């Protein structure tokens, strides 16, 4: 597998509250995480970086045995890592006044040979890109709920004034309810994890064009971030691209 990740502060924000990690355990097993913090600079960055660190260290501690586990046990362990991260961030937000209300989105992907295990909380996304671009995760946002209920249309959702309101996040409540997806992948498939700093600035169709037009994952990621900035760069931008 090939992979590359990068993050950028964007054109408007002074600080980058996004965090990510992508690491390869062996040629067939990769972990990738993208988190977009909230709650002010101190709280947002702390929440996102803690989420990435806690989840990755928990899963690291299970390697190399994790790759031999059954699919059910793998899902259980990833969920356990998210629960641990949520608990620690939530407790920290209650213990320090300056961190009150902090939280983070989080999308976690374990790529195991021909299978993906994906967990998400919030509106950071995972896409599967093949002959088309498919958004695998569902945004946990107020605007997406309106969209699913048929109360607004796609074009209204894109510029809705309450687009930044999340209905779920890591660390804001004592309990979490992440979504879980598992799917098969084939050689040549590309997996994109990203924060909304990319998806609010670049359409899905344009993301597809950039990813499929570049021969290597590093150039594709850099081009996506450049394009998001050219379109306004209103938020921090993070993207991780994996090629099976």
C-alpha atoms as a PDB file:
ATOM      1  CA  UNK A   1       0.000   0.000   0.000  1.00  0.00           C
ATOM      2  CA  UNK A   2       1.038   3.569  -0.697  1.00  0.00           C
ATOM      3  CA  UNK A   3       0.065   6.474   1.532  1.00  0.00           C
ATOM      4  CA  UNK A   4       0.635  10.140   2.269  1.00  0.00           C
ATOM      5  CA  UNK A   5      -0.890  12.681   4.660  1.00  0.00           C
ATOM      6  CA  UNK A   6      -0.573  16.394   5.241  1.00  0.00           C
ATOM      7  CA  UNK A   7      -2.241  19.253   7.100  1.00  0.00           C
ATOM      8  CA  UNK A   8      -2.362  23.006   6.489  1.00  0.00           C
ATOM      9  CA  UNK A   9      -3.590  25.932   8.586  1.00  0.00           C
ATOM     10  CA  UNK A  10      -5.520  27.429   5.645  1.00  0.00           C
ATOM     11  CA  UNK A  11      -5.891  31.098   4.738  1.00  0.00           C
ATOM     12  CA  UNK A  12      -8.104  32.401   7.556  1.00  0.00           C
ATOM     13  CA  UNK A  13      -7.276  30.629  10.823  1.00  0.00           C
ATOM     14  CA  UNK A  14      -4.191  31.561  12.838  1.00  0.00           C
ATOM     15  CA  UNK A  15      -3.838  28.120  14.405  1.00  0.00           C
ATOM     16  CA  UNK A  16      -4.199  24.573  13.145  1.00  0.00           C
ATOM     17  CA  UNK A  17      -6.560  22.513  15.316  1.00  0.00           C
ATOM     18  CA  UNK A  18      -6.464  19.480  13.005  1.00  0.00           C
ATOM     19  CA  UNK A  19      -4.358  16.411  13.809  1.00  0.00           C
ATOM     20  CA  UNK A  20      -3.653  13.254  11.852  1.00  0.00           C
ATOM     21  CA  UNK A  21      -1.529  10.150  11.749  1.00  0.00           C
ATOM     22  CA  UNK A  22      -0.898   7.532   9.102  1.00  0.00           C
ATOM     23  CA  UNK A  23       1.393   4.602   9.798  1.00  0.00           C
ATOM     24  CA  UNK A  24       2.184   1.299   8.171  1.00  0.00           C
ATOM     25  CA  UNK A  25       2.609  -1.806  10.321  1.00  0.00           C
ATOM     26  CA  UNK A  26       3.625  -3.937   7.342  1.00  0.00           C
ATOM     27  CA  UNK A  27       2.952  -3.915   3.608  1.00  0.00           C
ATOM     28  CA  UNK A  28      -0.689  -4.951   4.064  1.00  0.00           C
ATOM     29  CA  UNK A  29      -1.722  -3.126   7.258  1.00  0.00           C
ATOM     30  CA  UNK A  30      -2.113   0.630   7.691  1.00  0.00           C
ATOM     31  CA  UNK A  31      -3.710   2.822  10.358  1.00  0.00           C
ATOM     32  CA  UNK A  32      -4.924   6.327   9.496  1.00  0.00           C
ATOM     33  CA  UNK A  33      -6.694   8.859  11.714  1.00  0.00           C
ATOM     34  CA  UNK A  34      -7.916  12.404  11.038  1.00  0.00           C
ATOM     35  CA  UNK A  35      -9.300  14.599  13.828  1.00  0.00           C
ATOM     36  CA  UNK A  36     -10.610  18.178  13.684  1.00  0.00           C
ATOM     37  CA  UNK A  37     -10.652  19.853  17.107  1.00  0.00           C
ATOM     38  CA  UNK A  38     -13.106  22.375  18.487  1.00  0.00           C
ATOM     39  CA  UNK A  39     -13.355  24.514  21.596  1.00  0.00           C
ATOM     40  CA  UNK A  40     -10.871  27.300  20.915  1.00  0.00           C
ATOM     41  CA  UNK A  41      -7.197  26.989  19.969  1.00  0.00           C
ATOM     42  CA  UNK A  42      -5.977  25.424  23.199  1.00  0.00           C
ATOM     43  CA  UNK A  43      -8.909  23.047  23.586  1.00  0.00           C
ATOM     44  CA  UNK A  44      -9.357  22.195  19.933  1.00  0.00           C
ATOM     45  CA  UNK A  45      -5.744  21.307  19.260  1.00  0.00           C
ATOM     46  CA  UNK A  46      -5.458  19.420  22.530  1.00  0.00           C
ATOM     47  CA  UNK A  47      -8.595  17.400  21.844  1.00  0.00           C
ATOM     48  CA  UNK A  48      -7.608  16.432  18.302  1.00  0.00           C
ATOM     49  CA  UNK A  49      -4.008  15.583  19.134  1.00  0.00           C
ATOM     50  CA  UNK A  50      -5.023  13.596  22.213  1.00  0.00           C
ATOM     51  CA  UNK A  51      -7.574  11.631  20.191  1.00  0.00           C
ATOM     52  CA  UNK A  52      -4.975  10.696  17.587  1.00  0.00           C
ATOM     53  CA  UNK A  53      -2.343   9.818  20.212  1.00  0.00           C
ATOM     54  CA  UNK A  54      -4.616   7.772  22.468  1.00  0.00           C
ATOM     55  CA  UNK A  55      -6.211   5.774  19.658  1.00  0.00           C
ATOM     56  CA  UNK A  56      -2.954   5.081  17.831  1.00  0.00           C
ATOM     57  CA  UNK A  57      -1.048   4.118  20.984  1.00  0.00           C
ATOM     58  CA  UNK A  58      -3.843   1.775  22.074  1.00  0.00           C
ATOM     59  CA  UNK A  59      -3.865   0.008  18.710  1.00  0.00           C
ATOM     60  CA  UNK A  60      -0.054  -0.009  18.553  1.00  0.00           C
ATOM     61  CA  UNK A  61      -0.019  -1.873  21.846  1.00  0.00           C
ATOM     62  CA  UNK A  62      -2.037  -4.693  20.265  1.00  0.00           C
ATOM     63  CA  UNK A  63       0.220  -5.146  17.283  1.00  0.00           C
ATOM     64  CA  UNK A  64       1.206  -7.517  15.764  1.00  0.00           C
ATOM     65  CA  UNK A  65      -1.536  -9.687  17.301  1.00  0.00           C
ATOM     66  CA  UNK A  66      -4.318  -7.352  16.109  1.00  0.00           C
ATOM     67  CA  UNK A  67      -3.861  -8.397  12.485  1.00  0.00           C
ATOM     68  CA  UNK A  68      -4.669 -11.998  13.440  1.00  0.00           C
ATOM     69  CA  UNK A  69      -7.914 -11.153  15.265  1.00  0.00           C
ATOM     70  CA  UNK A  70     -11.361 -11.947  13.940  1.00  0.00           C
ATOM     71  CA  UNK A  71     -13.262  -9.053  12.315  1.00  0.00           C
ATOM     72  CA  UNK A  72     -15.548  -8.874  15.350  1.00  0.00           C
ATOM     73  CA  UNK A  73     -12.609  -8.594  17.751  1.00  0.00           C
ATOM     74  CA  UNK A  74     -10.868  -5.989  15.583  1.00  0.00           C
ATOM     75  CA  UNK A  75     -14.004  -3.824  15.653  1.00  0.00           C
ATOM     76  CA  UNK A  76     -14.237  -4.260  19.412  1.00  0.00           C
ATOM     77  CA  UNK A  77     -10.654  -3.093  19.937  1.00  0.00           C
ATOM     78  CA  UNK A  78     -11.003  -0.045  17.688  1.00  0.00           C
ATOM     79  CA  UNK A  79     -14.202   0.884  19.507  1.00  0.00           C
ATOM     80  CA  UNK A  80     -12.371   0.444  22.826  1.00  0.00           C
ATOM     81  CA  UNK A  81      -9.685   2.876  21.656  1.00  0.00           C
ATOM     82  CA  UNK A  82     -12.335   5.477  20.792  1.00  0.00           C
ATOM     83  CA  UNK A  83     -14.097   5.014  24.120  1.00  0.00           C
ATOM     84  CA  UNK A  84     -10.795   5.494  25.940  1.00  0.00           C
ATOM     85  CA  UNK A  85     -10.009   8.650  23.957  1.00  0.00           C
ATOM     86  CA  UNK A  86     -13.493  10.042  24.561  1.00  0.00           C
ATOM     87  CA  UNK A  87     -13.269   9.416  28.300  1.00  0.00           C
ATOM     88  CA  UNK A  88      -9.852  11.018  28.694  1.00  0.00           C
ATOM     89  CA  UNK A  89     -10.745  14.108  26.642  1.00  0.00           C
ATOM     90  CA  UNK A  90     -14.071  14.516  28.437  1.00  0.00           C
ATOM     91  CA  UNK A  91     -12.448  14.222  31.875  1.00  0.00           C
ATOM     92  CA  UNK A  92      -9.751  16.710  30.919  1.00  0.00           C
ATOM     93  CA  UNK A  93     -12.306  19.233  29.666  1.00  0.00           C
ATOM     94  CA  UNK A  94     -14.025  19.094  33.070  1.00  0.00           C
ATOM     95  CA  UNK A  95     -10.812  19.435  35.072  1.00  0.00           C
ATOM     96  CA  UNK A  96      -9.467  22.620  33.430  1.00  0.00           C
ATOM     97  CA  UNK A  97     -11.584  25.738  32.962  1.00  0.00           C
ATOM     98  CA  UNK A  98      -9.674  26.803  29.862  1.00  0.00           C
ATOM     99  CA  UNK A  99     -10.517  23.514  28.157  1.00  0.00           C
ATOM    100  CA  UNK A 100     -14.238  23.499  28.910  1.00  0.00           C
ATOM    101  CA  UNK A 101     -16.297  22.369  25.926  1.00  0.00           C
ATOM    102  CA  UNK A 102     -13.389  21.001  23.928  1.00  0.00           C
ATOM    103  CA  UNK A 103     -13.950  18.080  21.612  1.00  0.00           C
ATOM    104  CA  UNK A 104     -12.991  16.741  18.228  1.00  0.00           C
ATOM    105  CA  UNK A 105     -14.258  14.959  15.177  1.00  0.00           C
ATOM    106  CA  UNK A 106     -12.501  11.690  14.483  1.00  0.00           C
ATOM    107  CA  UNK A 107     -12.370   9.286  11.559  1.00  0.00           C
ATOM    108  CA  UNK A 108     -10.308   6.123  12.010  1.00  0.00           C
ATOM    109  CA  UNK A 109      -9.391   3.687   9.268  1.00  0.00           C
ATOM    110  CA  UNK A 110      -7.647   0.340   9.584  1.00  0.00           C
ATOM    111  CA  UNK A 111      -6.718  -0.968   6.142  1.00  0.00           C
ATOM    112  CA  UNK A 112      -6.121  -4.692   6.467  1.00  0.00           C
ATOM    113  CA  UNK A 113      -5.103  -6.152   3.099  1.00  0.00           C
ATOM    114  CA  UNK A 114      -8.396  -6.262   1.184  1.00  0.00           C
ATOM    115  CA  UNK A 115     -10.617  -4.962   3.999  1.00  0.00           C
ATOM    116  CA  UNK A 116     -11.289  -1.599   5.623  1.00  0.00           C
ATOM    117  CA  UNK A 117     -12.552  -1.001   9.141  1.00  0.00           C
ATOM    118  CA  UNK A 118     -13.827   2.560   9.502  1.00  0.00           C
ATOM    119  CA  UNK A 119     -15.123   4.411  12.565  1.00  0.00           C
ATOM    120  CA  UNK A 120     -16.242   8.030  12.647  1.00  0.00           C
ATOM    121  CA  UNK A 121     -17.657  10.642  14.993  1.00  0.00           C
ATOM    122  CA  UNK A 122     -18.401  14.131  13.669  1.00  0.00           C
ATOM    123  CA  UNK A 123     -18.018  15.428  10.117  1.00  0.00           C
ATOM    124  CA  UNK A 124     -14.504  14.441   9.106  1.00  0.00           C
ATOM    125  CA  UNK A 125     -14.958  12.033   6.231  1.00  0.00           C
ATOM    126  CA  UNK A 126     -13.683   8.906   4.535  1.00  0.00           C
ATOM    127  CA  UNK A 127     -14.145   8.420   0.799  1.00  0.00           C
ATOM    128  CA  UNK A 128     -13.571   5.354  -1.364  1.00  0.00           C
ATOM    129  CA  UNK A 129     -12.382   6.311  -4.828  1.00  0.00           C
ATOM    130  CA  UNK A 130     -12.475   3.876  -7.734  1.00  0.00           C
ATOM    131  CA  UNK A 131     -14.491   4.436 -10.917  1.00  0.00           C
ATOM    132  CA  UNK A 132     -16.393   7.032  -8.894  1.00  0.00           C
ATOM    133  CA  UNK A 133     -16.078   8.786  -5.536  1.00  0.00           C
ATOM    134  CA  UNK A 134     -18.183   7.371  -2.713  1.00  0.00           C
ATOM    135  CA  UNK A 135     -18.550   9.019   0.689  1.00  0.00           C
ATOM    136  CA  UNK A 136     -18.489   6.106   3.133  1.00  0.00           C
ATOM    137  CA  UNK A 137     -18.983   8.006   6.398  1.00  0.00           C
ATOM    138  CA  UNK A 138     -22.034  10.032   7.316  1.00  0.00           C
ATOM    139  CA  UNK A 139     -21.648  13.538   8.730  1.00  0.00           C
ATOM    140  CA  UNK A 140     -22.879  13.895  12.298  1.00  0.00           C
ATOM    141  CA  UNK A 141     -24.096  17.451  11.815  1.00  0.00           C
ATOM    142  CA  UNK A 142     -27.272  19.472  12.192  1.00  0.00           C
ATOM    143  CA  UNK A 143     -27.292  20.343   8.502  1.00  0.00           C
ATOM    144  CA  UNK A 144     -26.927  16.699   7.454  1.00  0.00           C
ATOM    145  CA  UNK A 145     -29.917  15.809   9.647  1.00  0.00           C
ATOM    146  CA  UNK A 146     -31.946  18.495   7.868  1.00  0.00           C
ATOM    147  CA  UNK A 147     -30.785  17.097   4.543  1.00  0.00           C
ATOM    148  CA  UNK A 148     -31.713  13.523   5.441  1.00  0.00           C
ATOM    149  CA  UNK A 149     -35.166  14.647   6.566  1.00  0.00           C
ATOM    150  CA  UNK A 150     -35.725  16.418   3.264  1.00  0.00           C
ATOM    151  CA  UNK A 151     -35.991  19.808   4.955  1.00  0.00           C
ATOM    152  CA  UNK A 152     -33.247  21.363   2.822  1.00  0.00           C
ATOM    153  CA  UNK A 153     -31.634  20.584  -0.526  1.00  0.00           C
ATOM    154  CA  UNK A 154     -28.012  19.810  -1.380  1.00  0.00           C
ATOM    155  CA  UNK A 155     -27.304  23.319  -2.645  1.00  0.00           C
ATOM    156  CA  UNK A 156     -28.751  24.805   0.546  1.00  0.00           C
ATOM    157  CA  UNK A 157     -26.649  22.485   2.712  1.00  0.00           C
ATOM    158  CA  UNK A 158     -23.426  23.617   1.043  1.00  0.00           C
ATOM    159  CA  UNK A 159     -23.795  27.189   2.327  1.00  0.00           C
ATOM    160  CA  UNK A 160     -26.056  26.732   5.340  1.00  0.00           C
ATOM    161  CA  UNK A 161     -25.279  29.220   8.177  1.00  0.00           C
ATOM    162  CA  UNK A 162     -25.398  26.401  10.777  1.00  0.00           C
ATOM    163  CA  UNK A 163     -23.173  24.034   8.851  1.00  0.00           C
ATOM    164  CA  UNK A 164     -20.571  23.915  11.616  1.00  0.00           C
ATOM    165  CA  UNK A 165     -22.951  22.569  14.284  1.00  0.00           C
ATOM    166  CA  UNK A 166     -22.093  18.955  15.120  1.00  0.00           C
ATOM    167  CA  UNK A 167     -24.536  16.469  16.603  1.00  0.00           C
ATOM    168  CA  UNK A 168     -21.750  14.119  17.749  1.00  0.00           C
ATOM    169  CA  UNK A 169     -18.121  14.684  18.676  1.00  0.00           C
ATOM    170  CA  UNK A 170     -15.398  12.942  20.647  1.00  0.00           C
ATOM    171  CA  UNK A 171     -14.939  14.255  24.182  1.00  0.00           C
ATOM    172  CA  UNK A 172     -18.012  16.470  24.499  1.00  0.00           C
ATOM    173  CA  UNK A 173     -20.166  13.893  26.296  1.00  0.00           C
ATOM    174  CA  UNK A 174     -19.407  11.067  28.718  1.00  0.00           C
ATOM    175  CA  UNK A 175     -20.548   8.490  26.142  1.00  0.00           C
ATOM    176  CA  UNK A 176     -20.021   8.263  22.405  1.00  0.00           C
ATOM    177  CA  UNK A 177     -21.839   6.570  19.561  1.00  0.00           C
ATOM    178  CA  UNK A 178     -19.467   6.197  16.598  1.00  0.00           C
ATOM    179  CA  UNK A 179     -20.600   4.806  13.283  1.00  0.00           C
ATOM    180  CA  UNK A 180     -18.860   1.670  12.036  1.00  0.00           C
ATOM    181  CA  UNK A 181     -18.323   0.578   8.459  1.00  0.00           C
ATOM    182  CA  UNK A 182     -16.426  -2.375   7.080  1.00  0.00           C
ATOM    183  CA  UNK A 183     -15.934  -2.865   3.374  1.00  0.00           C
ATOM    184  CA  UNK A 184     -13.770  -4.681   0.898  1.00  0.00           C
ATOM    185  CA  UNK A 185     -11.239  -2.945  -1.298  1.00  0.00           C
ATOM    186  CA  UNK A 186      -9.338  -4.043  -4.367  1.00  0.00           C
ATOM    187  CA  UNK A 187      -5.985  -3.114  -5.890  1.00  0.00           C
ATOM    188  CA  UNK A 188      -6.013   0.413  -7.253  1.00  0.00           C
ATOM    189  CA  UNK A 189      -8.714   1.646  -4.884  1.00  0.00           C
ATOM    190  CA  UNK A 190      -7.891   4.886  -3.093  1.00  0.00           C
ATOM    191  CA  UNK A 191      -9.069   5.799   0.398  1.00  0.00           C
ATOM    192  CA  UNK A 192      -9.233   9.473   1.377  1.00  0.00           C
ATOM    193  CA  UNK A 193      -9.634  10.669   4.974  1.00  0.00           C
ATOM    194  CA  UNK A 194     -10.097  14.416   5.387  1.00  0.00           C
ATOM    195  CA  UNK A 195     -11.359  17.227   7.581  1.00  0.00           C
ATOM    196  CA  UNK A 196     -14.144  19.571   6.512  1.00  0.00           C
ATOM    197  CA  UNK A 197     -11.552  22.203   5.681  1.00  0.00           C
ATOM    198  CA  UNK A 198     -11.160  20.250   2.435  1.00  0.00           C
ATOM    199  CA  UNK A 199     -14.756  19.208   1.750  1.00  0.00           C
ATOM    200  CA  UNK A 200     -16.205  22.665   2.427  1.00  0.00           C
ATOM    201  CA  UNK A 201     -13.843  24.162  -0.143  1.00  0.00           C
ATOM    202  CA  UNK A 202     -13.632  21.430  -2.809  1.00  0.00           C
ATOM    203  CA  UNK A 203     -16.538  19.478  -4.294  1.00  0.00           C
ATOM    204  CA  UNK A 204     -16.574  15.690  -4.332  1.00  0.00           C
ATOM    205  CA  UNK A 205     -16.338  15.681  -8.131  1.00  0.00           C
ATOM    206  CA  UNK A 206     -13.267  17.904  -8.063  1.00  0.00           C
ATOM    207  CA  UNK A 207     -11.674  15.737  -5.346  1.00  0.00           C
ATOM    208  CA  UNK A 208     -12.220  12.753  -7.641  1.00  0.00           C
ATOM    209  CA  UNK A 209     -10.648  14.570 -10.593  1.00  0.00           C
ATOM    210  CA  UNK A 210      -7.545  15.515  -8.596  1.00  0.00           C
ATOM    211  CA  UNK A 211      -7.029  12.083  -7.018  1.00  0.00           C
ATOM    212  CA  UNK A 212      -7.507  10.148 -10.258  1.00  0.00           C
ATOM    213  CA  UNK A 213      -5.437  12.510 -12.402  1.00  0.00           C
ATOM    214  CA  UNK A 214      -2.283  12.217 -10.296  1.00  0.00           C
ATOM    215  CA  UNK A 215       0.014   9.224 -10.478  1.00  0.00           C
ATOM    216  CA  UNK A 216       1.180   9.376  -6.865  1.00  0.00           C
ATOM    217  CA  UNK A 217      -0.621   9.924  -3.563  1.00  0.00           C
ATOM    218  CA  UNK A 218       1.714  12.668  -2.323  1.00  0.00           C
ATOM    219  CA  UNK A 219       1.090  14.928  -5.302  1.00  0.00           C
ATOM    220  CA  UNK A 220      -2.658  14.307  -5.072  1.00  0.00           C
ATOM    221  CA  UNK A 221      -2.784  15.315  -1.386  1.00  0.00           C
ATOM    222  CA  UNK A 222      -0.696  18.437  -1.982  1.00  0.00           C
ATOM    223  CA  UNK A 223      -2.893  19.422  -4.927  1.00  0.00           C
ATOM    224  CA  UNK A 224      -6.075  18.972  -2.850  1.00  0.00           C
ATOM    225  CA  UNK A 225      -4.733  21.233  -0.101  1.00  0.00           C
ATOM    226  CA  UNK A 226      -3.586  23.823  -2.636  1.00  0.00           C
ATOM    227  CA  UNK A 227      -7.012  23.799  -4.276  1.00  0.00           C
ATOM    228  CA  UNK A 228      -8.802  24.209  -0.925  1.00  0.00           C
ATOM    229  CA  UNK A 229      -6.634  27.242  -0.212  1.00  0.00           C
ATOM    230  CA  UNK A 230      -7.202  28.678  -3.683  1.00  0.00           C
ATOM    231  CA  UNK A 231     -10.956  28.362  -3.083  1.00  0.00           C
ATOM    232  CA  UNK A 232     -10.758  30.353   0.153  1.00  0.00           C
ATOM    233  CA  UNK A 233      -8.975  28.208   2.719  1.00  0.00           C
ATOM    234  CA  UNK A 234     -11.582  29.099   5.333  1.00  0.00           C
ATOM    235  CA  UNK A 235     -10.529  26.362   7.764  1.00  0.00           C
ATOM    236  CA  UNK A 236      -7.654  24.053   8.583  1.00  0.00           C
ATOM    237  CA  UNK A 237      -7.196  21.436   5.862  1.00  0.00           C
ATOM    238  CA  UNK A 238      -6.108  17.845   6.443  1.00  0.00           C
ATOM    239  CA  UNK A 239      -6.003  14.957   3.980  1.00  0.00           C
ATOM    240  CA  UNK A 240      -4.646  11.413   4.095  1.00  0.00           C
ATOM    241  CA  UNK A 241      -4.663   9.330   0.929  1.00  0.00           C
ATOM    242  CA  UNK A 242      -4.057   5.559   0.809  1.00  0.00           C
ATOM    243  CA  UNK A 243      -3.763   3.498  -2.359  1.00  0.00           C
ATOM    244  CA  UNK A 244      -4.388  -0.224  -2.187  1.00  0.00           C
END
